[in-house]
Structure formats: structure tokens, C-alpha cells
Amino acid sequence: MGTDWVWLIPLRDLDADARAIQLGAIADMSLLPGQERFVGDPLRMVLAGLAEVSRHPYVVESGGNAAGVLTLQAEAAGLAGWPDDSSAWLLRGFLIDSRHQGKGLGTLAATAAVEAARKLTARHQSCESGVVLSVNEENPAGFSAYSRAGFVDTGRYLGGSAGPQRTMFHSFGCVARP
């Protein structure tokens, strides 16, 4: 790997100036050709996250650079094919900038997202037991990164707009091994 750590910066916790700097870095992010069908525009996703109280958007930082984004959402796990909305955090809008891909940052960020969700559960005194996501079956790199982060494939989900997905779950009780 090019680096052995990532830091998740919670955008809601930043003051206006620091948030503006991060939003500028997010606006500069790009995807590799074909990846847009798996994930949306980074800035649009983060702004949607900031506008909705159930979403908690983060910048993935590595080596002092904004390397990606992700959002943890409460009460929305069913959007990933999970049986209910409230027993897990939904990991959504997750992407690593094209200039930072292939360095293992996706696995590290997914692992960090589980810890961030655990902290949100404690802070809000809610009852989520882990993190759920869906990954497109035509995205083997994403599936592999999530598997290395300790997410377990729980089955096929046909509700996504981009074709068949795999629902993956990481319990707070599991130890992730990147």
C-alpha cells in the first residue's frame, strides 16, 4: 500500500472555513471511466449528506490529502437490501478519488467507517449493531476492498438502479482485518 492510514474527517464538525476548504478538495475529485455508474458525483453526494440530518458525510484523508468521501446514514439500511432500516448504519456515497485508487485506501476507509459508525451509535445512544452497504456485482474491486475490511456478503440485492448488488455487513462485534 502507498500509505498505512486514513483519517475520516466529519464534515459536520468543521467550522465554515474548514468545511469550505474540504468542499473545494471534494469538488476536484474524479472517477475512473465507468465508475460513475456505481457512485455519483462526490460534491453532490456530500452536499446532500450535509442537508439531511440522518446522514453523516466524511472526507477520507490520507497523507494530508483529501482522497475520497463516504457517508454513514441512520435509519436507511433497507436501501442496501437489509431487512430493516434501523439495526445498521448504511454506508453510502463511498468513493476513492481516481488519483488515489489502487493503494488500499478503500479497505482502510471502509474499516475506519465501521469505527466511525460505532462512535456515532455510542454518541446518539442508538441501537445499530453494525454497518451495511451494497456493492454492484460488476464492481469486483469494491467487493474485494469491503471483504478485506471485514464486511461479509449476506446475499444478492436486486433493488439498486445500477443492476444486481451484493449486500455486505460488518458487525461491531467483528474484528476487521485489512
N, C-alpha and C. Protein backbone atom coordinates (compact mmCIF):
# COMPACT_ATOMS: atom_id res chain seq x y z
N MET A 1 0.83 -1.18 0.00
CA MET A 1 0.00 0.00 0.00
C MET A 1 0.88 1.24 0.00
N GLY A 2 0.34 2.31 -0.58
CA GLY A 2 1.07 3.56 -0.61
C GLY A 2 1.10 4.25 0.74
N THR A 3 0.17 3.96 1.59
CA THR A 3 0.12 4.52 2.94
C THR A 3 -0.55 3.49 3.84
N ASP A 4 -0.36 3.63 5.14
CA ASP A 4 -0.97 2.63 6.02
C ASP A 4 -2.02 3.24 6.94
N TRP A 5 -2.54 4.40 6.59
CA TRP A 5 -3.58 5.00 7.41
C TRP A 5 -4.48 5.91 6.60
N VAL A 6 -5.67 6.10 7.11
CA VAL A 6 -6.59 7.12 6.63
C VAL A 6 -7.22 7.76 7.85
N TRP A 7 -7.70 8.95 7.65
CA TRP A 7 -8.40 9.68 8.69
C TRP A 7 -9.72 10.11 8.11
N LEU A 8 -10.81 9.86 8.81
CA LEU A 8 -12.12 10.31 8.37
C LEU A 8 -12.41 11.65 9.04
N ILE A 9 -12.64 12.67 8.22
CA ILE A 9 -12.94 14.00 8.72
C ILE A 9 -14.45 14.20 8.65
N PRO A 10 -15.13 14.29 9.80
CA PRO A 10 -16.58 14.51 9.79
C PRO A 10 -16.89 15.95 9.38
N LEU A 11 -17.50 16.13 8.24
CA LEU A 11 -17.75 17.47 7.71
C LEU A 11 -18.66 18.30 8.61
N ARG A 12 -19.58 17.67 9.31
CA ARG A 12 -20.49 18.42 10.20
C ARG A 12 -19.74 19.08 11.36
N ASP A 13 -18.59 18.52 11.74
CA ASP A 13 -17.86 19.02 12.90
C ASP A 13 -16.91 20.17 12.57
N LEU A 14 -16.78 20.52 11.29
CA LEU A 14 -15.86 21.57 10.89
C LEU A 14 -16.52 22.94 10.93
N ASP A 15 -15.71 23.98 11.18
CA ASP A 15 -16.25 25.33 11.06
C ASP A 15 -16.41 25.66 9.58
N ALA A 16 -17.05 26.78 9.28
CA ALA A 16 -17.39 27.13 7.90
C ALA A 16 -16.17 27.21 7.00
N ASP A 17 -15.06 27.79 7.48
CA ASP A 17 -13.86 27.93 6.66
C ASP A 17 -13.23 26.57 6.36
N ALA A 18 -13.10 25.74 7.38
CA ALA A 18 -12.50 24.40 7.17
C ALA A 18 -13.39 23.56 6.27
N ARG A 19 -14.71 23.67 6.43
CA ARG A 19 -15.63 22.93 5.57
C ARG A 19 -15.49 23.38 4.11
N ALA A 20 -15.36 24.68 3.89
CA ALA A 20 -15.21 25.21 2.53
C ALA A 20 -13.94 24.67 1.88
N ILE A 21 -12.86 24.57 2.63
CA ILE A 21 -11.61 24.01 2.09
C ILE A 21 -11.83 22.56 1.68
N GLN A 22 -12.48 21.79 2.53
CA GLN A 22 -12.73 20.38 2.22
C GLN A 22 -13.67 20.24 1.02
N LEU A 23 -14.69 21.08 0.95
CA LEU A 23 -15.62 21.01 -0.18
C LEU A 23 -14.90 21.33 -1.50
N GLY A 24 -13.94 22.25 -1.45
CA GLY A 24 -13.14 22.54 -2.63
C GLY A 24 -12.34 21.32 -3.08
N ALA A 25 -11.75 20.62 -2.13
CA ALA A 25 -11.00 19.40 -2.46
C ALA A 25 -11.92 18.32 -3.01
N ILE A 26 -13.12 18.22 -2.46
CA ILE A 26 -14.09 17.22 -2.94
C ILE A 26 -14.52 17.56 -4.36
N ALA A 27 -14.73 18.83 -4.65
CA ALA A 27 -15.13 19.24 -6.00
C ALA A 27 -14.08 18.87 -7.03
N ASP A 28 -12.84 18.74 -6.61
CA ASP A 28 -11.74 18.41 -7.51
C ASP A 28 -11.57 16.90 -7.72
N MET A 29 -12.33 16.09 -6.98
CA MET A 29 -12.21 14.64 -7.11
C MET A 29 -12.79 14.14 -8.42
N SER A 30 -12.26 13.01 -8.90
CA SER A 30 -12.75 12.43 -10.14
C SER A 30 -12.80 10.91 -10.02
N LEU A 31 -13.57 10.34 -10.93
CA LEU A 31 -13.72 8.88 -11.01
C LEU A 31 -13.02 8.38 -12.26
N LEU A 32 -12.67 7.11 -12.25
CA LEU A 32 -12.15 6.48 -13.46
C LEU A 32 -13.31 6.21 -14.40
N PRO A 33 -13.04 6.11 -15.70
CA PRO A 33 -14.13 5.84 -16.65
C PRO A 33 -14.93 4.59 -16.26
N GLY A 34 -16.24 4.72 -16.29
CA GLY A 34 -17.13 3.61 -15.96
C GLY A 34 -17.56 3.56 -14.51
N GLN A 35 -16.84 4.23 -13.61
CA GLN A 35 -17.18 4.16 -12.19
C GLN A 35 -18.41 4.99 -11.84
N GLU A 36 -18.77 5.94 -12.69
CA GLU A 36 -19.92 6.79 -12.38
C GLU A 36 -21.21 6.00 -12.27
N ARG A 37 -21.26 4.79 -12.86
CA ARG A 37 -22.49 4.01 -12.71
C ARG A 37 -22.61 3.36 -11.33
N PHE A 38 -21.51 3.32 -10.59
CA PHE A 38 -21.54 2.74 -9.25
C PHE A 38 -21.71 3.79 -8.16
N VAL A 39 -21.33 5.02 -8.43
CA VAL A 39 -21.36 6.07 -7.41
C VAL A 39 -21.60 7.41 -8.12
N GLY A 40 -22.17 8.34 -7.40
CA GLY A 40 -22.49 9.63 -8.01
C GLY A 40 -21.37 10.65 -7.90
N ASP A 41 -21.70 11.87 -8.23
CA ASP A 41 -20.77 12.99 -8.14
C ASP A 41 -20.40 13.23 -6.68
N PRO A 42 -19.10 13.26 -6.35
CA PRO A 42 -18.69 13.39 -4.95
C PRO A 42 -19.24 14.64 -4.25
N LEU A 43 -19.15 15.78 -4.89
CA LEU A 43 -19.62 17.01 -4.23
C LEU A 43 -21.12 16.98 -4.02
N ARG A 44 -21.86 16.54 -5.02
CA ARG A 44 -23.31 16.46 -4.89
C ARG A 44 -23.70 15.51 -3.75
N MET A 45 -23.00 14.38 -3.63
CA MET A 45 -23.31 13.42 -2.56
C MET A 45 -23.07 14.03 -1.18
N VAL A 46 -21.94 14.73 -1.03
CA VAL A 46 -21.60 15.33 0.26
C VAL A 46 -22.58 16.45 0.61
N LEU A 47 -22.93 17.27 -0.35
CA LEU A 47 -23.89 18.35 -0.08
C LEU A 47 -25.25 17.79 0.32
N ALA A 48 -25.67 16.71 -0.33
CA ALA A 48 -26.92 16.04 0.07
C ALA A 48 -26.81 15.52 1.49
N GLY A 49 -25.64 14.99 1.84
CA GLY A 49 -25.42 14.50 3.19
C GLY A 49 -25.49 15.59 4.24
N LEU A 50 -24.94 16.75 3.92
CA LEU A 50 -24.98 17.86 4.86
C LEU A 50 -26.39 18.42 5.03
N ALA A 51 -27.22 18.26 4.02
CA ALA A 51 -28.59 18.80 4.05
C ALA A 51 -29.57 17.91 4.80
N GLU A 52 -29.19 16.67 5.09
CA GLU A 52 -30.11 15.73 5.73
C GLU A 52 -29.53 15.27 7.06
N VAL A 53 -30.29 15.44 8.13
CA VAL A 53 -29.79 15.19 9.48
C VAL A 53 -29.42 13.72 9.72
N SER A 54 -30.02 12.79 9.01
CA SER A 54 -29.71 11.36 9.22
C SER A 54 -28.40 10.94 8.57
N ARG A 55 -27.83 11.81 7.74
CA ARG A 55 -26.58 11.48 7.04
C ARG A 55 -25.39 12.18 7.71
N HIS A 56 -24.27 11.46 7.72
CA HIS A 56 -23.03 11.97 8.30
C HIS A 56 -21.93 11.81 7.26
N PRO A 57 -21.67 12.88 6.48
CA PRO A 57 -20.64 12.79 5.44
C PRO A 57 -19.23 13.01 5.99
N TYR A 58 -18.29 12.29 5.40
CA TYR A 58 -16.88 12.36 5.81
C TYR A 58 -16.00 12.54 4.58
N VAL A 59 -14.89 13.21 4.78
CA VAL A 59 -13.81 13.21 3.81
C VAL A 59 -12.82 12.16 4.26
N VAL A 60 -12.35 11.34 3.33
CA VAL A 60 -11.29 10.37 3.60
C VAL A 60 -9.98 11.07 3.32
N GLU A 61 -9.17 11.25 4.34
CA GLU A 61 -7.88 11.91 4.17
C GLU A 61 -6.75 10.88 4.31
N SER A 62 -5.76 11.02 3.47
CA SER A 62 -4.57 10.17 3.54
C SER A 62 -3.37 10.99 3.11
N GLY A 63 -2.33 10.93 3.88
CA GLY A 63 -1.12 11.66 3.54
C GLY A 63 -1.33 13.15 3.41
N GLY A 64 -2.28 13.71 4.15
CA GLY A 64 -2.55 15.13 4.11
C GLY A 64 -3.42 15.58 2.95
N ASN A 65 -3.93 14.62 2.17
CA ASN A 65 -4.76 14.94 1.01
C ASN A 65 -6.15 14.35 1.14
N ALA A 66 -7.15 15.07 0.62
CA ALA A 66 -8.50 14.51 0.52
C ALA A 66 -8.45 13.43 -0.55
N ALA A 67 -8.69 12.20 -0.15
CA ALA A 67 -8.54 11.05 -1.06
C ALA A 67 -9.87 10.40 -1.40
N GLY A 68 -10.95 10.79 -0.74
CA GLY A 68 -12.23 10.17 -1.01
C GLY A 68 -13.31 10.75 -0.11
N VAL A 69 -14.51 10.21 -0.26
CA VAL A 69 -15.64 10.61 0.56
C VAL A 69 -16.48 9.38 0.90
N LEU A 70 -17.23 9.48 1.96
CA LEU A 70 -18.22 8.47 2.32
C LEU A 70 -19.25 9.09 3.23
N THR A 71 -20.40 8.46 3.31
CA THR A 71 -21.47 8.92 4.18
C THR A 71 -22.01 7.74 4.97
N LEU A 72 -22.23 7.95 6.25
CA LEU A 72 -22.94 7.00 7.09
C LEU A 72 -24.33 7.56 7.32
N GLN A 73 -25.35 6.73 7.10
CA GLN A 73 -26.73 7.20 7.25
C GLN A 73 -27.48 6.31 8.21
N ALA A 74 -28.22 6.94 9.12
CA ALA A 74 -29.07 6.23 10.07
C ALA A 74 -30.44 5.99 9.43
N GLU A 75 -31.10 4.95 9.90
CA GLU A 75 -32.49 4.67 9.51
C GLU A 75 -32.68 4.49 8.00
N ALA A 76 -31.67 3.91 7.33
CA ALA A 76 -31.77 3.75 5.88
C ALA A 76 -31.17 2.44 5.38
N ALA A 77 -30.90 1.50 6.27
CA ALA A 77 -30.22 0.26 5.89
C ALA A 77 -30.98 -0.54 4.84
N GLY A 78 -32.29 -0.40 4.79
CA GLY A 78 -33.09 -1.12 3.80
C GLY A 78 -32.73 -0.74 2.37
N LEU A 79 -32.14 0.44 2.18
CA LEU A 79 -31.72 0.86 0.84
C LEU A 79 -30.60 -0.02 0.28
N ALA A 80 -29.96 -0.80 1.14
CA ALA A 80 -28.90 -1.72 0.71
C ALA A 80 -29.37 -3.17 0.72
N GLY A 81 -30.68 -3.37 0.86
CA GLY A 81 -31.20 -4.73 0.88
C GLY A 81 -31.22 -5.36 2.26
N TRP A 82 -30.98 -4.56 3.29
CA TRP A 82 -31.01 -5.06 4.68
C TRP A 82 -32.46 -5.22 5.09
N PRO A 83 -32.78 -6.20 5.97
CA PRO A 83 -34.18 -6.47 6.30
C PRO A 83 -34.92 -5.34 7.01
N ASP A 84 -34.21 -4.43 7.68
CA ASP A 84 -34.88 -3.31 8.34
C ASP A 84 -33.99 -2.07 8.22
N ASP A 85 -34.55 -0.93 8.53
CA ASP A 85 -33.80 0.32 8.38
C ASP A 85 -32.93 0.67 9.57
N SER A 86 -33.28 0.21 10.76
CA SER A 86 -32.67 0.79 11.96
C SER A 86 -31.61 -0.05 12.66
N SER A 87 -31.38 -1.28 12.28
CA SER A 87 -30.42 -2.09 13.03
C SER A 87 -28.98 -1.95 12.54
N ALA A 88 -28.77 -1.18 11.48
CA ALA A 88 -27.42 -0.97 10.95
C ALA A 88 -27.31 0.42 10.34
N TRP A 89 -26.11 0.96 10.34
CA TRP A 89 -25.81 2.18 9.61
C TRP A 89 -25.65 1.80 8.14
N LEU A 90 -26.10 2.65 7.25
CA LEU A 90 -25.89 2.47 5.82
C LEU A 90 -24.64 3.23 5.41
N LEU A 91 -23.68 2.53 4.81
CA LEU A 91 -22.51 3.16 4.22
C LEU A 91 -22.84 3.43 2.76
N ARG A 92 -22.85 4.70 2.38
CA ARG A 92 -23.25 5.05 1.02
C ARG A 92 -22.36 6.18 0.51
N GLY A 93 -22.44 6.44 -0.79
CA GLY A 93 -21.68 7.53 -1.37
C GLY A 93 -20.19 7.40 -1.13
N PHE A 94 -19.69 6.18 -1.16
CA PHE A 94 -18.30 5.91 -0.84
C PHE A 94 -17.49 5.83 -2.12
N LEU A 95 -16.47 6.67 -2.20
CA LEU A 95 -15.57 6.59 -3.35
C LEU A 95 -14.18 7.06 -2.96
N ILE A 96 -13.22 6.52 -3.66
CA ILE A 96 -11.83 6.97 -3.55
C ILE A 96 -11.51 7.69 -4.86
N ASP A 97 -10.96 8.89 -4.74
CA ASP A 97 -10.59 9.69 -5.91
C ASP A 97 -9.69 8.88 -6.84
N SER A 98 -9.86 9.07 -8.14
CA SER A 98 -9.11 8.28 -9.14
C SER A 98 -7.61 8.36 -8.93
N ARG A 99 -7.10 9.48 -8.45
CA ARG A 99 -5.66 9.65 -8.25
C ARG A 99 -5.14 8.88 -7.04
N HIS A 100 -6.05 8.36 -6.22
CA HIS A 100 -5.63 7.66 -5.00
C HIS A 100 -6.04 6.19 -5.00
N GLN A 101 -6.61 5.73 -6.10
CA GLN A 101 -7.04 4.33 -6.17
C GLN A 101 -5.84 3.39 -6.34
N GLY A 102 -6.05 2.14 -5.94
CA GLY A 102 -5.01 1.13 -6.08
C GLY A 102 -3.97 1.14 -4.98
N LYS A 103 -4.23 1.88 -3.91
CA LYS A 103 -3.28 1.99 -2.80
C LYS A 103 -3.79 1.33 -1.52
N GLY A 104 -4.95 0.69 -1.60
CA GLY A 104 -5.53 0.06 -0.42
C GLY A 104 -6.34 1.01 0.44
N LEU A 105 -6.57 2.23 -0.03
CA LEU A 105 -7.30 3.21 0.79
C LEU A 105 -8.77 2.85 0.96
N GLY A 106 -9.36 2.18 -0.02
CA GLY A 106 -10.76 1.77 0.10
C GLY A 106 -10.96 0.84 1.29
N THR A 107 -10.06 -0.12 1.43
CA THR A 107 -10.15 -1.05 2.57
C THR A 107 -9.95 -0.32 3.88
N LEU A 108 -8.95 0.55 3.93
CA LEU A 108 -8.69 1.30 5.17
C LEU A 108 -9.86 2.21 5.52
N ALA A 109 -10.42 2.88 4.52
CA ALA A 109 -11.54 3.78 4.77
C ALA A 109 -12.79 3.02 5.20
N ALA A 110 -13.04 1.86 4.60
CA ALA A 110 -14.20 1.04 5.00
C ALA A 110 -14.04 0.58 6.44
N THR A 111 -12.83 0.21 6.83
CA THR A 111 -12.56 -0.18 8.21
C THR A 111 -12.80 1.01 9.14
N ALA A 112 -12.30 2.18 8.75
CA ALA A 112 -12.48 3.38 9.56
C ALA A 112 -13.96 3.77 9.66
N ALA A 113 -14.72 3.52 8.59
CA ALA A 113 -16.15 3.83 8.61
C ALA A 113 -16.89 3.01 9.66
N VAL A 114 -16.49 1.77 9.84
CA VAL A 114 -17.12 0.93 10.86
C VAL A 114 -16.86 1.52 12.25
N GLU A 115 -15.62 1.95 12.49
CA GLU A 115 -15.31 2.55 13.79
C GLU A 115 -16.06 3.88 13.96
N ALA A 116 -16.16 4.67 12.90
CA ALA A 116 -16.92 5.93 12.99
C ALA A 116 -18.39 5.65 13.30
N ALA A 117 -18.95 4.62 12.68
CA ALA A 117 -20.35 4.25 12.95
C ALA A 117 -20.53 3.78 14.39
N ARG A 118 -19.56 3.03 14.88
CA ARG A 118 -19.62 2.58 16.28
C ARG A 118 -19.65 3.80 17.22
N LYS A 119 -18.84 4.81 16.92
CA LYS A 119 -18.80 6.02 17.74
C LYS A 119 -20.10 6.81 17.63
N LEU A 120 -20.67 6.88 16.43
CA LEU A 120 -21.97 7.56 16.26
C LEU A 120 -23.06 6.85 17.06
N THR A 121 -23.03 5.52 17.07
CA THR A 121 -24.01 4.75 17.84
C THR A 121 -23.90 5.09 19.32
N ALA A 122 -22.67 5.16 19.83
CA ALA A 122 -22.46 5.50 21.24
C ALA A 122 -22.89 6.94 21.51
N ARG A 123 -22.52 7.86 20.62
CA ARG A 123 -22.85 9.28 20.81
C ARG A 123 -24.35 9.52 20.83
N HIS A 124 -25.06 8.85 19.92
CA HIS A 124 -26.50 9.04 19.81
C HIS A 124 -27.30 8.06 20.68
N GLN A 125 -26.60 7.17 21.36
CA GLN A 125 -27.22 6.15 22.20
C GLN A 125 -28.31 5.41 21.43
N SER A 126 -27.95 5.03 20.20
CA SER A 126 -28.88 4.29 19.35
C SER A 126 -28.54 2.81 19.40
N CYS A 127 -29.19 2.01 18.58
CA CYS A 127 -29.08 0.55 18.75
C CYS A 127 -28.54 -0.18 17.52
N GLU A 128 -27.87 0.52 16.60
CA GLU A 128 -27.31 -0.17 15.44
C GLU A 128 -26.27 -1.20 15.89
N SER A 129 -26.21 -2.32 15.16
CA SER A 129 -25.27 -3.38 15.52
C SER A 129 -24.11 -3.48 14.56
N GLY A 130 -24.09 -2.62 13.53
CA GLY A 130 -23.01 -2.65 12.56
C GLY A 130 -23.30 -1.75 11.38
N VAL A 131 -22.61 -2.02 10.28
CA VAL A 131 -22.69 -1.21 9.07
C VAL A 131 -23.04 -2.11 7.89
N VAL A 132 -23.96 -1.65 7.06
CA VAL A 132 -24.37 -2.40 5.87
C VAL A 132 -24.11 -1.52 4.64
N LEU A 133 -23.88 -2.18 3.52
CA LEU A 133 -23.70 -1.49 2.25
C LEU A 133 -24.13 -2.42 1.14
N SER A 134 -24.29 -1.86 -0.04
CA SER A 134 -24.48 -2.71 -1.21
C SER A 134 -23.41 -2.33 -2.22
N VAL A 135 -22.91 -3.35 -2.90
CA VAL A 135 -21.88 -3.14 -3.91
C VAL A 135 -22.33 -3.83 -5.19
N ASN A 136 -22.19 -3.15 -6.31
CA ASN A 136 -22.62 -3.68 -7.58
C ASN A 136 -21.83 -4.94 -7.91
N GLU A 137 -22.50 -5.95 -8.45
CA GLU A 137 -21.84 -7.20 -8.81
C GLU A 137 -20.78 -7.00 -9.89
N GLU A 138 -20.86 -5.90 -10.63
CA GLU A 138 -19.86 -5.61 -11.66
C GLU A 138 -18.73 -4.72 -11.12
N ASN A 139 -18.60 -4.65 -9.81
CA ASN A 139 -17.55 -3.86 -9.17
C ASN A 139 -16.70 -4.77 -8.27
N PRO A 140 -15.89 -5.66 -8.89
CA PRO A 140 -15.10 -6.59 -8.08
C PRO A 140 -14.07 -5.91 -7.19
N ALA A 141 -13.54 -4.77 -7.61
CA ALA A 141 -12.57 -4.07 -6.78
C ALA A 141 -13.23 -3.59 -5.48
N GLY A 142 -14.44 -3.04 -5.59
CA GLY A 142 -15.15 -2.62 -4.40
C GLY A 142 -15.48 -3.78 -3.49
N PHE A 143 -15.98 -4.88 -4.08
CA PHE A 143 -16.31 -6.07 -3.29
C PHE A 143 -15.07 -6.57 -2.55
N SER A 144 -13.95 -6.62 -3.22
CA SER A 144 -12.71 -7.09 -2.61
C SER A 144 -12.27 -6.18 -1.46
N ALA A 145 -12.34 -4.87 -1.67
CA ALA A 145 -11.94 -3.92 -0.62
C ALA A 145 -12.82 -4.09 0.62
N TYR A 146 -14.13 -4.22 0.40
CA TYR A 146 -15.04 -4.40 1.54
C TYR A 146 -14.79 -5.73 2.25
N SER A 147 -14.53 -6.77 1.50
CA SER A 147 -14.24 -8.08 2.11
C SER A 147 -12.97 -8.00 2.96
N ARG A 148 -11.94 -7.35 2.45
CA ARG A 148 -10.69 -7.21 3.21
C ARG A 148 -10.91 -6.39 4.48
N ALA A 149 -11.90 -5.49 4.46
CA ALA A 149 -12.21 -4.67 5.63
C ALA A 149 -13.08 -5.42 6.65
N GLY A 150 -13.45 -6.66 6.34
CA GLY A 150 -14.23 -7.45 7.29
C GLY A 150 -15.72 -7.51 7.02
N PHE A 151 -16.17 -6.90 5.92
CA PHE A 151 -17.59 -6.99 5.57
C PHE A 151 -17.88 -8.38 5.02
N VAL A 152 -19.04 -8.91 5.37
CA VAL A 152 -19.45 -10.26 4.98
C VAL A 152 -20.60 -10.15 3.99
N ASP A 153 -20.51 -10.90 2.89
CA ASP A 153 -21.56 -10.93 1.88
C ASP A 153 -22.76 -11.65 2.46
N THR A 154 -23.91 -10.96 2.51
CA THR A 154 -25.12 -11.57 3.07
C THR A 154 -26.14 -11.94 2.01
N GLY A 155 -25.81 -11.69 0.73
CA GLY A 155 -26.71 -12.12 -0.32
C GLY A 155 -26.92 -11.09 -1.40
N ARG A 156 -27.66 -11.50 -2.39
CA ARG A 156 -27.94 -10.67 -3.55
C ARG A 156 -29.08 -9.70 -3.27
N TYR A 157 -28.97 -8.50 -3.84
CA TYR A 157 -29.98 -7.46 -3.71
C TYR A 157 -30.27 -6.92 -5.10
N LEU A 158 -31.53 -6.94 -5.48
CA LEU A 158 -31.91 -6.51 -6.83
C LEU A 158 -32.58 -5.14 -6.86
N GLY A 159 -32.52 -4.39 -5.76
CA GLY A 159 -33.21 -3.11 -5.69
C GLY A 159 -32.42 -1.92 -6.20
N GLY A 160 -31.14 -2.07 -6.49
CA GLY A 160 -30.34 -0.94 -6.94
C GLY A 160 -30.65 -0.54 -8.37
N SER A 161 -30.46 0.72 -8.68
CA SER A 161 -30.76 1.21 -10.03
C SER A 161 -29.68 0.85 -11.05
N ALA A 162 -28.50 0.42 -10.57
CA ALA A 162 -27.39 0.10 -11.49
C ALA A 162 -27.22 -1.40 -11.69
N GLY A 163 -28.25 -2.18 -11.39
CA GLY A 163 -28.16 -3.62 -11.59
C GLY A 163 -27.95 -4.38 -10.30
N PRO A 164 -27.77 -5.70 -10.40
CA PRO A 164 -27.66 -6.54 -9.20
C PRO A 164 -26.52 -6.11 -8.28
N GLN A 165 -26.83 -6.15 -6.99
CA GLN A 165 -25.89 -5.75 -5.94
C GLN A 165 -25.64 -6.94 -5.01
N ARG A 166 -24.59 -6.83 -4.23
CA ARG A 166 -24.34 -7.74 -3.10
C ARG A 166 -24.51 -6.90 -1.84
N THR A 167 -25.31 -7.37 -0.91
CA THR A 167 -25.43 -6.72 0.39
C THR A 167 -24.31 -7.26 1.26
N MET A 168 -23.60 -6.34 1.93
CA MET A 168 -22.49 -6.73 2.80
C MET A 168 -22.68 -6.06 4.15
N PHE A 169 -22.28 -6.77 5.21
CA PHE A 169 -22.48 -6.30 6.57
C PHE A 169 -21.21 -6.49 7.39
N HIS A 170 -20.95 -5.53 8.24
CA HIS A 170 -19.85 -5.62 9.21
C HIS A 170 -20.42 -5.33 10.58
N SER A 171 -20.44 -6.34 11.42
CA SER A 171 -20.93 -6.21 12.78
C SER A 171 -19.91 -5.45 13.64
N PHE A 172 -20.39 -4.69 14.59
CA PHE A 172 -19.49 -4.06 15.54
C PHE A 172 -18.74 -5.08 16.37
N GLY A 173 -19.29 -6.30 16.45
CA GLY A 173 -18.64 -7.35 17.21
C GLY A 173 -17.51 -8.04 16.46
N CYS A 174 -17.38 -7.79 15.15
CA CYS A 174 -16.35 -8.43 14.34
C CYS A 174 -15.08 -7.60 14.37
N VAL A 175 -13.95 -8.27 14.24
CA VAL A 175 -12.68 -7.58 14.14
C VAL A 175 -12.30 -7.54 12.66
N ALA A 176 -12.12 -6.34 12.13
CA ALA A 176 -11.76 -6.18 10.73
C ALA A 176 -10.28 -6.46 10.54
N ARG A 177 -9.95 -7.12 9.46
CA ARG A 177 -8.55 -7.43 9.12
C ARG A 177 -8.26 -6.93 7.72
N PRO A 178 -7.69 -5.73 7.60
CA PRO A 178 -7.39 -5.20 6.27
C PRO A 178 -6.31 -5.99 5.56
